[in-house]
């Protein structure tokens, strides 16, 4: 995930693997607006590789089952931010306040 900052309504973009929707690219193109979903790719389940590239002011999301051959799932997107620096990180959510979610990350390159 790339974020303008750590505020709850910050501009952001991320690539995710979900149990119900497969691979998903999600982004918020303005502060405090609803996030939008880019294309979902039904089928991929964890463990799976995700990649989010930034080139100048454009972001492109990718997925891979082997970490070698990559498929674009969304982008390039230009986000509505004027931030001089972007916060990068790993995101995990159960989307259920009553349930915990666990993830294992490896092969991380920033």
PDB file of N, CA and C in Angstrom:
ATOM      1  N   UNK A   1       0.847  -1.171   0.000  1.00  0.00           N
ATOM      2  CA  UNK A   1       0.000   0.000   0.000  1.00  0.00           C
ATOM      3  C   UNK A   1       0.894   1.235   0.000  1.00  0.00           C
ATOM      4  N   UNK A   2       0.496   2.230  -0.784  1.00  0.00           N
ATOM      5  CA  UNK A   2       1.099   3.561  -0.741  1.00  0.00           C
ATOM      6  C   UNK A   2       0.036   4.512  -0.206  1.00  0.00           C
ATOM      7  N   UNK A   3       0.433   5.396   0.727  1.00  0.00           N
ATOM      8  CA  UNK A   3      -0.494   6.355   1.321  1.00  0.00           C
ATOM      9  C   UNK A   3       0.127   7.742   1.335  1.00  0.00           C
ATOM     10  N   UNK A   4      -0.742   8.740   1.211  1.00  0.00           N
ATOM     11  CA  UNK A   4      -0.289  10.126   1.328  1.00  0.00           C
ATOM     12  C   UNK A   4       0.261  10.378   2.727  1.00  0.00           C
ATOM     13  N   UNK A   5      -0.413   9.823   3.745  1.00  0.00           N
ATOM     14  CA  UNK A   5       0.016   9.897   5.137  1.00  0.00           C
ATOM     15  C   UNK A   5      -0.743   8.817   5.903  1.00  0.00           C
ATOM     16  N   UNK A   6      -0.621   8.800   7.229  1.00  0.00           N
ATOM     17  CA  UNK A   6      -1.268   7.736   8.005  1.00  0.00           C
ATOM     18  C   UNK A   6      -2.659   8.108   8.517  1.00  0.00           C
ATOM     19  N   UNK A   7      -3.197   9.259   8.128  1.00  0.00           N
ATOM     20  CA  UNK A   7      -4.547   9.646   8.545  1.00  0.00           C
ATOM     21  C   UNK A   7      -5.584   8.678   7.968  1.00  0.00           C
ATOM     22  N   UNK A   8      -6.686   8.505   8.689  1.00  0.00           N
ATOM     23  CA  UNK A   8      -7.709   7.531   8.292  1.00  0.00           C
ATOM     24  C   UNK A   8      -8.266   7.781   6.891  1.00  0.00           C
ATOM     25  N   UNK A   9      -8.436   9.011   6.472  1.00  0.00           N
ATOM     26  CA  UNK A   9      -9.035   9.302   5.174  1.00  0.00           C
ATOM     27  C   UNK A   9      -8.040   9.696   4.105  1.00  0.00           C
ATOM     28  N   UNK A  10      -6.777   9.295   4.270  1.00  0.00           N
ATOM     29  CA  UNK A  10      -5.717   9.718   3.349  1.00  0.00           C
ATOM     30  C   UNK A  10      -5.859   9.093   1.964  1.00  0.00           C
ATOM     31  N   UNK A  11      -5.373   9.799   0.965  1.00  0.00           N
ATOM     32  CA  UNK A  11      -5.264   9.263  -0.393  1.00  0.00           C
ATOM     33  C   UNK A  11      -4.376   8.018  -0.328  1.00  0.00           C
ATOM     34  N   UNK A  12      -4.795   6.921  -0.993  1.00  0.00           N
ATOM     35  CA  UNK A  12      -3.998   5.692  -0.947  1.00  0.00           C
ATOM     36  C   UNK A  12      -4.315   4.795  -2.127  1.00  0.00           C
ATOM     37  N   UNK A  13      -3.441   3.809  -2.311  1.00  0.00           N
ATOM     38  CA  UNK A  13      -3.660   2.761  -3.319  1.00  0.00           C
ATOM     39  C   UNK A  13      -2.993   1.481  -2.805  1.00  0.00           C
ATOM     40  N   UNK A  14      -3.638   0.344  -3.040  1.00  0.00           N
ATOM     41  CA  UNK A  14      -3.069  -0.915  -2.586  1.00  0.00           C
ATOM     42  C   UNK A  14      -3.544  -2.085  -3.431  1.00  0.00           C
ATOM     43  N   UNK A  15      -2.778  -3.159  -3.403  1.00  0.00           N
ATOM     44  CA  UNK A  15      -3.132  -4.410  -4.078  1.00  0.00           C
ATOM     45  C   UNK A  15      -3.324  -5.460  -2.983  1.00  0.00           C
ATOM     46  N   UNK A  16      -4.416  -6.212  -3.064  1.00  0.00           N
ATOM     47  CA  UNK A  16      -4.792  -7.127  -1.996  1.00  0.00           C
ATOM     48  C   UNK A  16      -5.204  -8.487  -2.543  1.00  0.00           C
ATOM     49  N   UNK A  17      -4.994  -9.514  -1.733  1.00  0.00           N
ATOM     50  CA  UNK A  17      -5.537 -10.845  -1.989  1.00  0.00           C
ATOM     51  C   UNK A  17      -6.618 -11.069  -0.940  1.00  0.00           C
ATOM     52  N   UNK A  18      -7.837 -11.393  -1.382  1.00  0.00           N
ATOM     53  CA  UNK A  18      -8.957 -11.552  -0.465  1.00  0.00           C
ATOM     54  C   UNK A  18      -9.561 -12.951  -0.609  1.00  0.00           C
ATOM     55  N   UNK A  19     -10.143 -13.479   0.466  1.00  0.00           N
ATOM     56  CA  UNK A  19     -10.752 -14.799   0.365  1.00  0.00           C
ATOM     57  C   UNK A  19     -11.947 -14.846  -0.585  1.00  0.00           C
ATOM     58  N   UNK A  20     -12.742 -13.777  -0.633  1.00  0.00           N
ATOM     59  CA  UNK A  20     -13.963 -13.821  -1.409  1.00  0.00           C
ATOM     60  C   UNK A  20     -13.884 -13.214  -2.799  1.00  0.00           C
ATOM     61  N   UNK A  21     -12.946 -12.294  -3.030  1.00  0.00           N
ATOM     62  CA  UNK A  21     -12.899 -11.591  -4.308  1.00  0.00           C
ATOM     63  C   UNK A  21     -11.619 -11.842  -5.095  1.00  0.00           C
ATOM     64  N   UNK A  22     -10.748 -12.674  -4.604  1.00  0.00           N
ATOM     65  CA  UNK A  22      -9.478 -12.913  -5.295  1.00  0.00           C
ATOM     66  C   UNK A  22      -8.544 -11.737  -5.124  1.00  0.00           C
ATOM     67  N   UNK A  23      -7.928 -11.294  -6.210  1.00  0.00           N
ATOM     68  CA  UNK A  23      -7.013 -10.162  -6.169  1.00  0.00           C
ATOM     69  C   UNK A  23      -7.790  -8.877  -6.445  1.00  0.00           C
ATOM     70  N   UNK A  24      -7.422  -7.818  -5.730  1.00  0.00           N
ATOM     71  CA  UNK A  24      -8.142  -6.561  -5.867  1.00  0.00           C
ATOM     72  C   UNK A  24      -7.167  -5.398  -5.775  1.00  0.00           C
ATOM     73  N   UNK A  25      -7.408  -4.383  -6.580  1.00  0.00           N
ATOM     74  CA  UNK A  25      -6.697  -3.120  -6.461  1.00  0.00           C
ATOM     75  C   UNK A  25      -7.712  -2.108  -5.951  1.00  0.00           C
ATOM     76  N   UNK A  26      -7.362  -1.414  -4.870  1.00  0.00           N
ATOM     77  CA  UNK A  26      -8.264  -0.437  -4.277  1.00  0.00           C
ATOM     78  C   UNK A  26      -7.527   0.879  -4.125  1.00  0.00           C
ATOM     79  N   UNK A  27      -8.225   2.004  -4.345  1.00  0.00           N
ATOM     80  CA  UNK A  27      -7.585   3.309  -4.223  1.00  0.00           C
ATOM     81  C   UNK A  27      -8.573   4.368  -3.746  1.00  0.00           C
ATOM     82  N   UNK A  28      -8.044   5.371  -3.071  1.00  0.00           N
ATOM     83  CA  UNK A  28      -8.804   6.552  -2.672  1.00  0.00           C
ATOM     84  C   UNK A  28      -8.099   7.734  -3.314  1.00  0.00           C
ATOM     85  N   UNK A  29      -8.763   8.395  -4.239  1.00  0.00           N
ATOM     86  CA  UNK A  29      -8.137   9.426  -5.060  1.00  0.00           C
ATOM     87  C   UNK A  29      -8.290  10.840  -4.493  1.00  0.00           C
ATOM     88  N   UNK A  30      -8.885  10.973  -3.341  1.00  0.00           N
ATOM     89  CA  UNK A  30      -9.028  12.273  -2.688  1.00  0.00           C
ATOM     90  C   UNK A  30      -9.190  12.058  -1.199  1.00  0.00           C
ATOM     91  N   UNK A  31      -8.838  13.047  -0.416  1.00  0.00           N
ATOM     92  CA  UNK A  31      -8.899  12.946   1.034  1.00  0.00           C
ATOM     93  C   UNK A  31     -10.344  12.809   1.502  1.00  0.00           C
ATOM     94  N   UNK A  32     -10.587  11.855   2.389  1.00  0.00           N
ATOM     95  CA  UNK A  32     -11.881  11.616   3.038  1.00  0.00           C
ATOM     96  C   UNK A  32     -13.017  11.286   2.076  1.00  0.00           C
ATOM     97  N   UNK A  33     -12.712  10.662   0.954  1.00  0.00           N
ATOM     98  CA  UNK A  33     -13.772  10.169   0.070  1.00  0.00           C
ATOM     99  C   UNK A  33     -13.779   8.641   0.138  1.00  0.00           C
ATOM    100  N   UNK A  34     -14.829   8.038  -0.371  1.00  0.00           N
ATOM    101  CA  UNK A  34     -14.897   6.579  -0.383  1.00  0.00           C
ATOM    102  C   UNK A  34     -13.819   6.003  -1.295  1.00  0.00           C
ATOM    103  N   UNK A  35     -13.274   4.870  -0.900  1.00  0.00           N
ATOM    104  CA  UNK A  35     -12.287   4.181  -1.729  1.00  0.00           C
ATOM    105  C   UNK A  35     -13.000   3.526  -2.906  1.00  0.00           C
ATOM    106  N   UNK A  36     -12.303   3.435  -4.025  1.00  0.00           N
ATOM    107  CA  UNK A  36     -12.815   2.781  -5.220  1.00  0.00           C
ATOM    108  C   UNK A  36     -12.071   1.481  -5.444  1.00  0.00           C
ATOM    109  N   UNK A  37     -12.771   0.503  -5.972  1.00  0.00           N
ATOM    110  CA  UNK A  37     -12.136  -0.758  -6.337  1.00  0.00           C
ATOM    111  C   UNK A  37     -11.851  -0.759  -7.826  1.00  0.00           C
ATOM    112  N   UNK A  38     -10.613  -1.060  -8.155  1.00  0.00           N
ATOM    113  CA  UNK A  38     -10.277  -1.289  -9.549  1.00  0.00           C
ATOM    114  C   UNK A  38     -10.771  -2.669  -9.909  1.00  0.00           C
ATOM    115  N   UNK A  39     -10.274  -3.242 -10.946  1.00  0.00           N
ATOM    116  CA  UNK A  39     -10.739  -4.567 -11.336  1.00  0.00           C
ATOM    117  C   UNK A  39     -10.386  -5.630 -10.290  1.00  0.00           C
ATOM    118  N   UNK A  40     -11.315  -6.552 -10.050  1.00  0.00           N
ATOM    119  CA  UNK A  40     -11.041  -7.728  -9.221  1.00  0.00           C
ATOM    120  C   UNK A  40     -10.683  -8.883 -10.147  1.00  0.00           C
ATOM    121  N   UNK A  41      -9.741  -9.703  -9.734  1.00  0.00           N
ATOM    122  CA  UNK A  41      -9.353 -10.883 -10.494  1.00  0.00           C
ATOM    123  C   UNK A  41      -9.752 -12.097  -9.677  1.00  0.00           C
ATOM    124  N   UNK A  42     -10.842 -12.723 -10.033  1.00  0.00           N
ATOM    125  CA  UNK A  42     -11.356 -13.866  -9.291  1.00  0.00           C
ATOM    126  C   UNK A  42     -10.435 -15.057  -9.508  1.00  0.00           C
ATOM    127  N   UNK A  43     -10.156 -15.791  -8.450  1.00  0.00           N
ATOM    128  CA  UNK A  43      -9.350 -16.999  -8.571  1.00  0.00           C
ATOM    129  C   UNK A  43      -8.158 -17.029  -7.644  1.00  0.00           C
ATOM    130  N   UNK A  44      -7.284 -15.999  -7.660  1.00  0.00           N
ATOM    131  CA  UNK A  44      -6.106 -16.057  -6.792  1.00  0.00           C
ATOM    132  C   UNK A  44      -6.483 -16.107  -5.313  1.00  0.00           C
ATOM    133  N   UNK A  45      -5.817 -16.990  -4.591  1.00  0.00           N
ATOM    134  CA  UNK A  45      -5.964 -17.074  -3.138  1.00  0.00           C
ATOM    135  C   UNK A  45      -4.565 -17.112  -2.531  1.00  0.00           C
ATOM    136  N   UNK A  46      -4.472 -16.684  -1.294  1.00  0.00           N
ATOM    137  CA  UNK A  46      -3.181 -16.689  -0.604  1.00  0.00           C
ATOM    138  C   UNK A  46      -2.693 -18.124  -0.452  1.00  0.00           C
ATOM    139  N   UNK A  47      -1.404 -18.388  -0.556  1.00  0.00           N
ATOM    140  CA  UNK A  47      -0.355 -17.391  -0.790  1.00  0.00           C
ATOM    141  C   UNK A  47      -0.267 -16.987  -2.262  1.00  0.00           C
ATOM    142  N   UNK A  48      -0.036 -15.710  -2.484  1.00  0.00           N
ATOM    143  CA  UNK A  48       0.047 -15.158  -3.829  1.00  0.00           C
ATOM    144  C   UNK A  48       0.947 -13.937  -3.765  1.00  0.00           C
ATOM    145  N   UNK A  49       1.583 -13.608  -4.853  1.00  0.00           N
ATOM    146  CA  UNK A  49       2.449 -12.432  -4.902  1.00  0.00           C
ATOM    147  C   UNK A  49       1.657 -11.223  -5.369  1.00  0.00           C
ATOM    148  N   UNK A  50       1.896 -10.082  -4.730  1.00  0.00           N
ATOM    149  CA  UNK A  50       1.314  -8.817  -5.166  1.00  0.00           C
ATOM    150  C   UNK A  50       2.442  -7.809  -5.338  1.00  0.00           C
ATOM    151  N   UNK A  51       2.248  -6.876  -6.239  1.00  0.00           N
ATOM    152  CA  UNK A  51       3.261  -5.851  -6.504  1.00  0.00           C
ATOM    153  C   UNK A  51       2.543  -4.548  -6.840  1.00  0.00           C
ATOM    154  N   UNK A  52       3.083  -3.454  -6.332  1.00  0.00           N
ATOM    155  CA  UNK A  52       2.546  -2.136  -6.627  1.00  0.00           C
ATOM    156  C   UNK A  52       3.724  -1.257  -7.019  1.00  0.00           C
ATOM    157  N   UNK A  53       3.742  -0.825  -8.288  1.00  0.00           N
ATOM    158  CA  UNK A  53       4.838  -0.007  -8.808  1.00  0.00           C
ATOM    159  C   UNK A  53       4.419   1.447  -8.880  1.00  0.00           C
ATOM    160  N   UNK A  54       5.385   2.330  -8.593  1.00  0.00           N
ATOM    161  CA  UNK A  54       5.191   3.767  -8.740  1.00  0.00           C
ATOM    162  C   UNK A  54       6.207   4.265  -9.747  1.00  0.00           C
ATOM    163  N   UNK A  55       5.730   4.944 -10.771  1.00  0.00           N
ATOM    164  CA  UNK A  55       6.599   5.560 -11.764  1.00  0.00           C
ATOM    165  C   UNK A  55       6.154   7.006 -11.921  1.00  0.00           C
ATOM    166  N   UNK A  56       7.003   7.928 -11.463  1.00  0.00           N
ATOM    167  CA  UNK A  56       6.646   9.345 -11.430  1.00  0.00           C
ATOM    168  C   UNK A  56       5.429   9.489 -10.528  1.00  0.00           C
ATOM    169  N   UNK A  57       4.288   9.882 -11.066  1.00  0.00           N
ATOM    170  CA  UNK A  57       3.086  10.041 -10.239  1.00  0.00           C
ATOM    171  C   UNK A  57       2.029   8.994 -10.564  1.00  0.00           C
ATOM    172  N   UNK A  58       2.428   7.916 -11.247  1.00  0.00           N
ATOM    173  CA  UNK A  58       1.471   6.880 -11.628  1.00  0.00           C
ATOM    174  C   UNK A  58       1.765   5.564 -10.912  1.00  0.00           C
ATOM    175  N   UNK A  59       0.681   4.851 -10.567  1.00  0.00           N
ATOM    176  CA  UNK A  59       0.758   3.604  -9.813  1.00  0.00           C
ATOM    177  C   UNK A  59       0.092   2.493 -10.609  1.00  0.00           C
ATOM    178  N   UNK A  60       0.728   1.315 -10.629  1.00  0.00           N
ATOM    179  CA  UNK A  60       0.196   0.159 -11.338  1.00  0.00           C
ATOM    180  C   UNK A  60       0.287  -1.061 -10.419  1.00  0.00           C
ATOM    181  N   UNK A  61      -0.812  -1.843 -10.346  1.00  0.00           N
ATOM    182  CA  UNK A  61      -0.862  -3.032  -9.513  1.00  0.00           C
ATOM    183  C   UNK A  61      -0.708  -4.293 -10.334  1.00  0.00           C
ATOM    184  N   UNK A  62      -0.012  -5.274  -9.763  1.00  0.00           N
ATOM    185  CA  UNK A  62       0.262  -6.551 -10.425  1.00  0.00           C
ATOM    186  C   UNK A  62       0.030  -7.703  -9.459  1.00  0.00           C
ATOM    187  N   UNK A  63      -0.214  -8.890 -10.018  1.00  0.00           N
ATOM    188  CA  UNK A  63      -0.266 -10.135  -9.240  1.00  0.00           C
ATOM    189  C   UNK A  63       0.536 -11.205  -9.964  1.00  0.00           C
ATOM    190  N   UNK A  64       0.967 -12.227  -9.193  1.00  0.00           N
ATOM    191  CA  UNK A  64       1.726 -13.334  -9.772  1.00  0.00           C
ATOM    192  C   UNK A  64       1.566 -14.565  -8.897  1.00  0.00           C
ATOM    193  N   UNK A  65       1.493 -15.720  -9.529  1.00  0.00           N
ATOM    194  CA  UNK A  65       1.447 -16.961  -8.747  1.00  0.00           C
ATOM    195  C   UNK A  65       2.838 -17.509  -8.467  1.00  0.00           C
ATOM    196  N   UNK A  66       3.872 -16.987  -9.159  1.00  0.00           N
ATOM    197  CA  UNK A  66       5.227 -17.505  -8.961  1.00  0.00           C
ATOM    198  C   UNK A  66       6.272 -16.428  -8.633  1.00  0.00           C
ATOM    199  N   UNK A  67       5.902 -15.147  -8.650  1.00  0.00           N
ATOM    200  CA  UNK A  67       6.843 -14.072  -8.370  1.00  0.00           C
ATOM    201  C   UNK A  67       7.762 -13.754  -9.540  1.00  0.00           C
ATOM    202  N   UNK A  68       7.525 -14.387 -10.672  1.00  0.00           N
ATOM    203  CA  UNK A  68       8.366 -14.170 -11.858  1.00  0.00           C
ATOM    204  C   UNK A  68       7.542 -13.548 -12.989  1.00  0.00           C
ATOM    205  N   UNK A  69       6.418 -14.166 -13.306  1.00  0.00           N
ATOM    206  CA  UNK A  69       5.533 -13.676 -14.365  1.00  0.00           C
ATOM    207  C   UNK A  69       4.421 -12.859 -13.721  1.00  0.00           C
ATOM    208  N   UNK A  70       4.321 -11.570 -14.104  1.00  0.00           N
ATOM    209  CA  UNK A  70       3.391 -10.642 -13.470  1.00  0.00           C
ATOM    210  C   UNK A  70       2.266 -10.256 -14.422  1.00  0.00           C
ATOM    211  N   UNK A  71       1.048 -10.131 -13.877  1.00  0.00           N
ATOM    212  CA  UNK A  71      -0.131  -9.718 -14.632  1.00  0.00           C
ATOM    213  C   UNK A  71      -0.649  -8.404 -14.046  1.00  0.00           C
ATOM    214  N   UNK A  72      -0.856  -7.405 -14.897  1.00  0.00           N
ATOM    215  CA  UNK A  72      -1.416  -6.130 -14.433  1.00  0.00           C
ATOM    216  C   UNK A  72      -2.873  -6.349 -14.036  1.00  0.00           C
ATOM    217  N   UNK A  73      -3.249  -5.869 -12.836  1.00  0.00           N
ATOM    218  CA  UNK A  73      -4.657  -5.931 -12.444  1.00  0.00           C
ATOM    219  C   UNK A  73      -5.277  -4.546 -12.367  1.00  0.00           C
ATOM    220  N   UNK A  74      -4.496  -3.495 -12.518  1.00  0.00           N
ATOM    221  CA  UNK A  74      -5.051  -2.150 -12.503  1.00  0.00           C
ATOM    222  C   UNK A  74      -3.982  -1.105 -12.694  1.00  0.00           C
ATOM    223  N   UNK A  75      -4.356  -0.051 -13.414  1.00  0.00           N
ATOM    224  CA  UNK A  75      -3.450   1.060 -13.587  1.00  0.00           C
ATOM    225  C   UNK A  75      -3.011   1.203 -15.026  1.00  0.00           C
ATOM    226  N   UNK A  76      -2.239   2.211 -15.275  1.00  0.00           N
ATOM    227  CA  UNK A  76      -1.720   3.133 -14.263  1.00  0.00           C
ATOM    228  C   UNK A  76      -2.773   4.138 -13.792  1.00  0.00           C
ATOM    229  N   UNK A  77      -2.724   4.444 -12.477  1.00  0.00           N
ATOM    230  CA  UNK A  77      -3.592   5.435 -11.859  1.00  0.00           C
ATOM    231  C   UNK A  77      -2.737   6.595 -11.376  1.00  0.00           C
ATOM    232  N   UNK A  78      -3.255   7.806 -11.524  1.00  0.00           N
ATOM    233  CA  UNK A  78      -2.630   8.989 -10.944  1.00  0.00           C
ATOM    234  C   UNK A  78      -3.487   9.398  -9.764  1.00  0.00           C
ATOM    235  N   UNK A  79      -2.884   9.445  -8.576  1.00  0.00           N
ATOM    236  CA  UNK A  79      -3.645   9.773  -7.371  1.00  0.00           C
ATOM    237  C   UNK A  79      -3.681  11.280  -7.149  1.00  0.00           C
ATOM    238  N   UNK A  80      -4.765  11.752  -6.546  1.00  0.00           N
ATOM    239  CA  UNK A  80      -4.946  13.169  -6.266  1.00  0.00           C
ATOM    240  C   UNK A  80      -4.239  13.597  -5.004  1.00  0.00           C
ATOM    241  N   UNK A  81      -2.918  13.650  -5.052  1.00  0.00           N
ATOM    242  CA  UNK A  81      -2.138  14.074  -3.888  1.00  0.00           C
ATOM    243  C   UNK A  81      -0.990  14.973  -4.331  1.00  0.00           C
ATOM    244  N   UNK A  82      -0.664  15.912  -3.495  1.00  0.00           N
ATOM    245  CA  UNK A  82       0.487  16.771  -3.766  1.00  0.00           C
ATOM    246  C   UNK A  82       1.600  16.518  -2.750  1.00  0.00           C
ATOM    247  N   UNK A  83       1.493  15.430  -1.996  1.00  0.00           N
ATOM    248  CA  UNK A  83       2.493  15.108  -0.971  1.00  0.00           C
ATOM    249  C   UNK A  83       3.864  14.910  -1.599  1.00  0.00           C
ATOM    250  N   UNK A  84       4.880  15.461  -0.964  1.00  0.00           N
ATOM    251  CA  UNK A  84       6.238  15.311  -1.489  1.00  0.00           C
ATOM    252  C   UNK A  84       6.818  13.941  -1.167  1.00  0.00           C
ATOM    253  N   UNK A  85       6.276  13.268  -0.155  1.00  0.00           N
ATOM    254  CA  UNK A  85       6.720  11.911   0.159  1.00  0.00           C
ATOM    255  C   UNK A  85       5.492  11.038   0.383  1.00  0.00           C
ATOM    256  N   UNK A  86       5.644   9.761   0.106  1.00  0.00           N
ATOM    257  CA  UNK A  86       4.545   8.799   0.224  1.00  0.00           C
ATOM    258  C   UNK A  86       4.936   7.761   1.280  1.00  0.00           C
ATOM    259  N   UNK A  87       3.984   7.394   2.133  1.00  0.00           N
ATOM    260  CA  UNK A  87       4.191   6.350   3.120  1.00  0.00           C
ATOM    261  C   UNK A  87       3.914   5.006   2.463  1.00  0.00           C
ATOM    262  N   UNK A  88       4.820   4.052   2.664  1.00  0.00           N
ATOM    263  CA  UNK A  88       4.665   2.719   2.088  1.00  0.00           C
ATOM    264  C   UNK A  88       4.516   1.711   3.221  1.00  0.00           C
ATOM    265  N   UNK A  89       3.698   0.695   3.007  1.00  0.00           N
ATOM    266  CA  UNK A  89       3.550  -0.296   4.051  1.00  0.00           C
ATOM    267  C   UNK A  89       2.758  -1.500   3.605  1.00  0.00           C
ATOM    268  N   UNK A  90       2.563  -2.416   4.530  1.00  0.00           N
ATOM    269  CA  UNK A  90       1.816  -3.642   4.294  1.00  0.00           C
ATOM    270  C   UNK A  90       0.497  -3.540   5.038  1.00  0.00           C
ATOM    271  N   UNK A  91      -0.584  -3.934   4.403  1.00  0.00           N
ATOM    272  CA  UNK A  91      -1.912  -3.783   4.996  1.00  0.00           C
ATOM    273  C   UNK A  91      -2.591  -5.140   5.150  1.00  0.00           C
ATOM    274  N   UNK A  92      -3.284  -5.314   6.276  1.00  0.00           N
ATOM    275  CA  UNK A  92      -4.050  -6.523   6.547  1.00  0.00           C
ATOM    276  C   UNK A  92      -5.357  -6.101   7.195  1.00  0.00           C
ATOM    277  N   UNK A  93      -6.464  -6.685   6.774  1.00  0.00           N
ATOM    278  CA  UNK A  93      -7.759  -6.380   7.379  1.00  0.00           C
ATOM    279  C   UNK A  93      -8.678  -7.585   7.263  1.00  0.00           C
ATOM    280  N   UNK A  94      -9.427  -7.849   8.309  1.00  0.00           N
ATOM    281  CA  UNK A  94     -10.449  -8.900   8.238  1.00  0.00           C
ATOM    282  C   UNK A  94     -11.769  -8.336   7.721  1.00  0.00           C
ATOM    283  N   UNK A  95     -11.921  -7.012   7.704  1.00  0.00           N
ATOM    284  CA  UNK A  95     -13.180  -6.337   7.357  1.00  0.00           C
ATOM    285  C   UNK A  95     -14.319  -6.796   8.247  1.00  0.00           C
ATOM    286  N   UNK A  96     -13.964  -7.221   9.465  1.00  0.00           N
ATOM    287  CA  UNK A  96     -14.948  -7.661  10.449  1.00  0.00           C
ATOM    288  C   UNK A  96     -14.383  -7.310  11.815  1.00  0.00           C
ATOM    289  N   UNK A  97     -15.005  -6.349  12.498  1.00  0.00           N
ATOM    290  CA  UNK A  97     -14.489  -5.898  13.793  1.00  0.00           C
ATOM    291  C   UNK A  97     -14.462  -6.997  14.850  1.00  0.00           C
ATOM    292  N   UNK A  98     -15.195  -8.079  14.646  1.00  0.00           N
ATOM    293  CA  UNK A  98     -15.247  -9.170  15.623  1.00  0.00           C
ATOM    294  C   UNK A  98     -14.287 -10.306  15.278  1.00  0.00           C
ATOM    295  N   UNK A  99     -13.525 -10.183  14.195  1.00  0.00           N
ATOM    296  CA  UNK A  99     -12.643 -11.276  13.767  1.00  0.00           C
ATOM    297  C   UNK A  99     -11.220 -10.765  13.543  1.00  0.00           C
ATOM    298  N   UNK A 100     -10.269 -11.547  13.994  1.00  0.00           N
ATOM    299  CA  UNK A 100      -8.873 -11.234  13.748  1.00  0.00           C
ATOM    300  C   UNK A 100      -8.445 -11.748  12.380  1.00  0.00           C
ATOM    301  N   UNK A 101      -7.420 -11.128  11.836  1.00  0.00           N
ATOM    302  CA  UNK A 101      -6.880 -11.549  10.548  1.00  0.00           C
ATOM    303  C   UNK A 101      -5.371 -11.704  10.706  1.00  0.00           C
ATOM    304  N   UNK A 102      -4.819 -12.752  10.154  1.00  0.00           N
ATOM    305  CA  UNK A 102      -3.387 -13.004  10.212  1.00  0.00           C
ATOM    306  C   UNK A 102      -2.830 -13.107   8.810  1.00  0.00           C
ATOM    307  N   UNK A 103      -1.654 -12.535   8.611  1.00  0.00           N
ATOM    308  CA  UNK A 103      -0.996 -12.629   7.305  1.00  0.00           C
ATOM    309  C   UNK A 103       0.492 -12.851   7.526  1.00  0.00           C
ATOM    310  N   UNK A 104       1.118 -13.501   6.577  1.00  0.00           N
ATOM    311  CA  UNK A 104       2.561 -13.710   6.588  1.00  0.00           C
ATOM    312  C   UNK A 104       3.120 -13.058   5.319  1.00  0.00           C
ATOM    313  N   UNK A 105       4.130 -12.213   5.488  1.00  0.00           N
ATOM    314  CA  UNK A 105       4.744 -11.521   4.367  1.00  0.00           C
ATOM    315  C   UNK A 105       6.181 -12.010   4.218  1.00  0.00           C
ATOM    316  N   UNK A 106       6.627 -12.202   2.973  1.00  0.00           N
ATOM    317  CA  UNK A 106       8.040 -12.491   2.724  1.00  0.00           C
ATOM    318  C   UNK A 106       8.411 -11.914   1.369  1.00  0.00           C
ATOM    319  N   UNK A 107       9.685 -11.945   1.047  1.00  0.00           N
ATOM    320  CA  UNK A 107      10.183 -11.393  -0.215  1.00  0.00           C
ATOM    321  C   UNK A 107       9.760  -9.943  -0.413  1.00  0.00           C
ATOM    322  N   UNK A 108       9.874  -9.136   0.627  1.00  0.00           N
ATOM    323  CA  UNK A 108       9.461  -7.735   0.587  1.00  0.00           C
ATOM    324  C   UNK A 108      10.586  -6.888   0.021  1.00  0.00           C
ATOM    325  N   UNK A 109      10.262  -6.114  -0.989  1.00  0.00           N
ATOM    326  CA  UNK A 109      11.218  -5.180  -1.590  1.00  0.00           C
ATOM    327  C   UNK A 109      10.553  -3.821  -1.648  1.00  0.00           C
ATOM    328  N   UNK A 110      11.230  -2.811  -1.091  1.00  0.00           N
ATOM    329  CA  UNK A 110      10.689  -1.450  -1.110  1.00  0.00           C
ATOM    330  C   UNK A 110      11.617  -0.588  -1.937  1.00  0.00           C
TER     331      UNK A 110
END
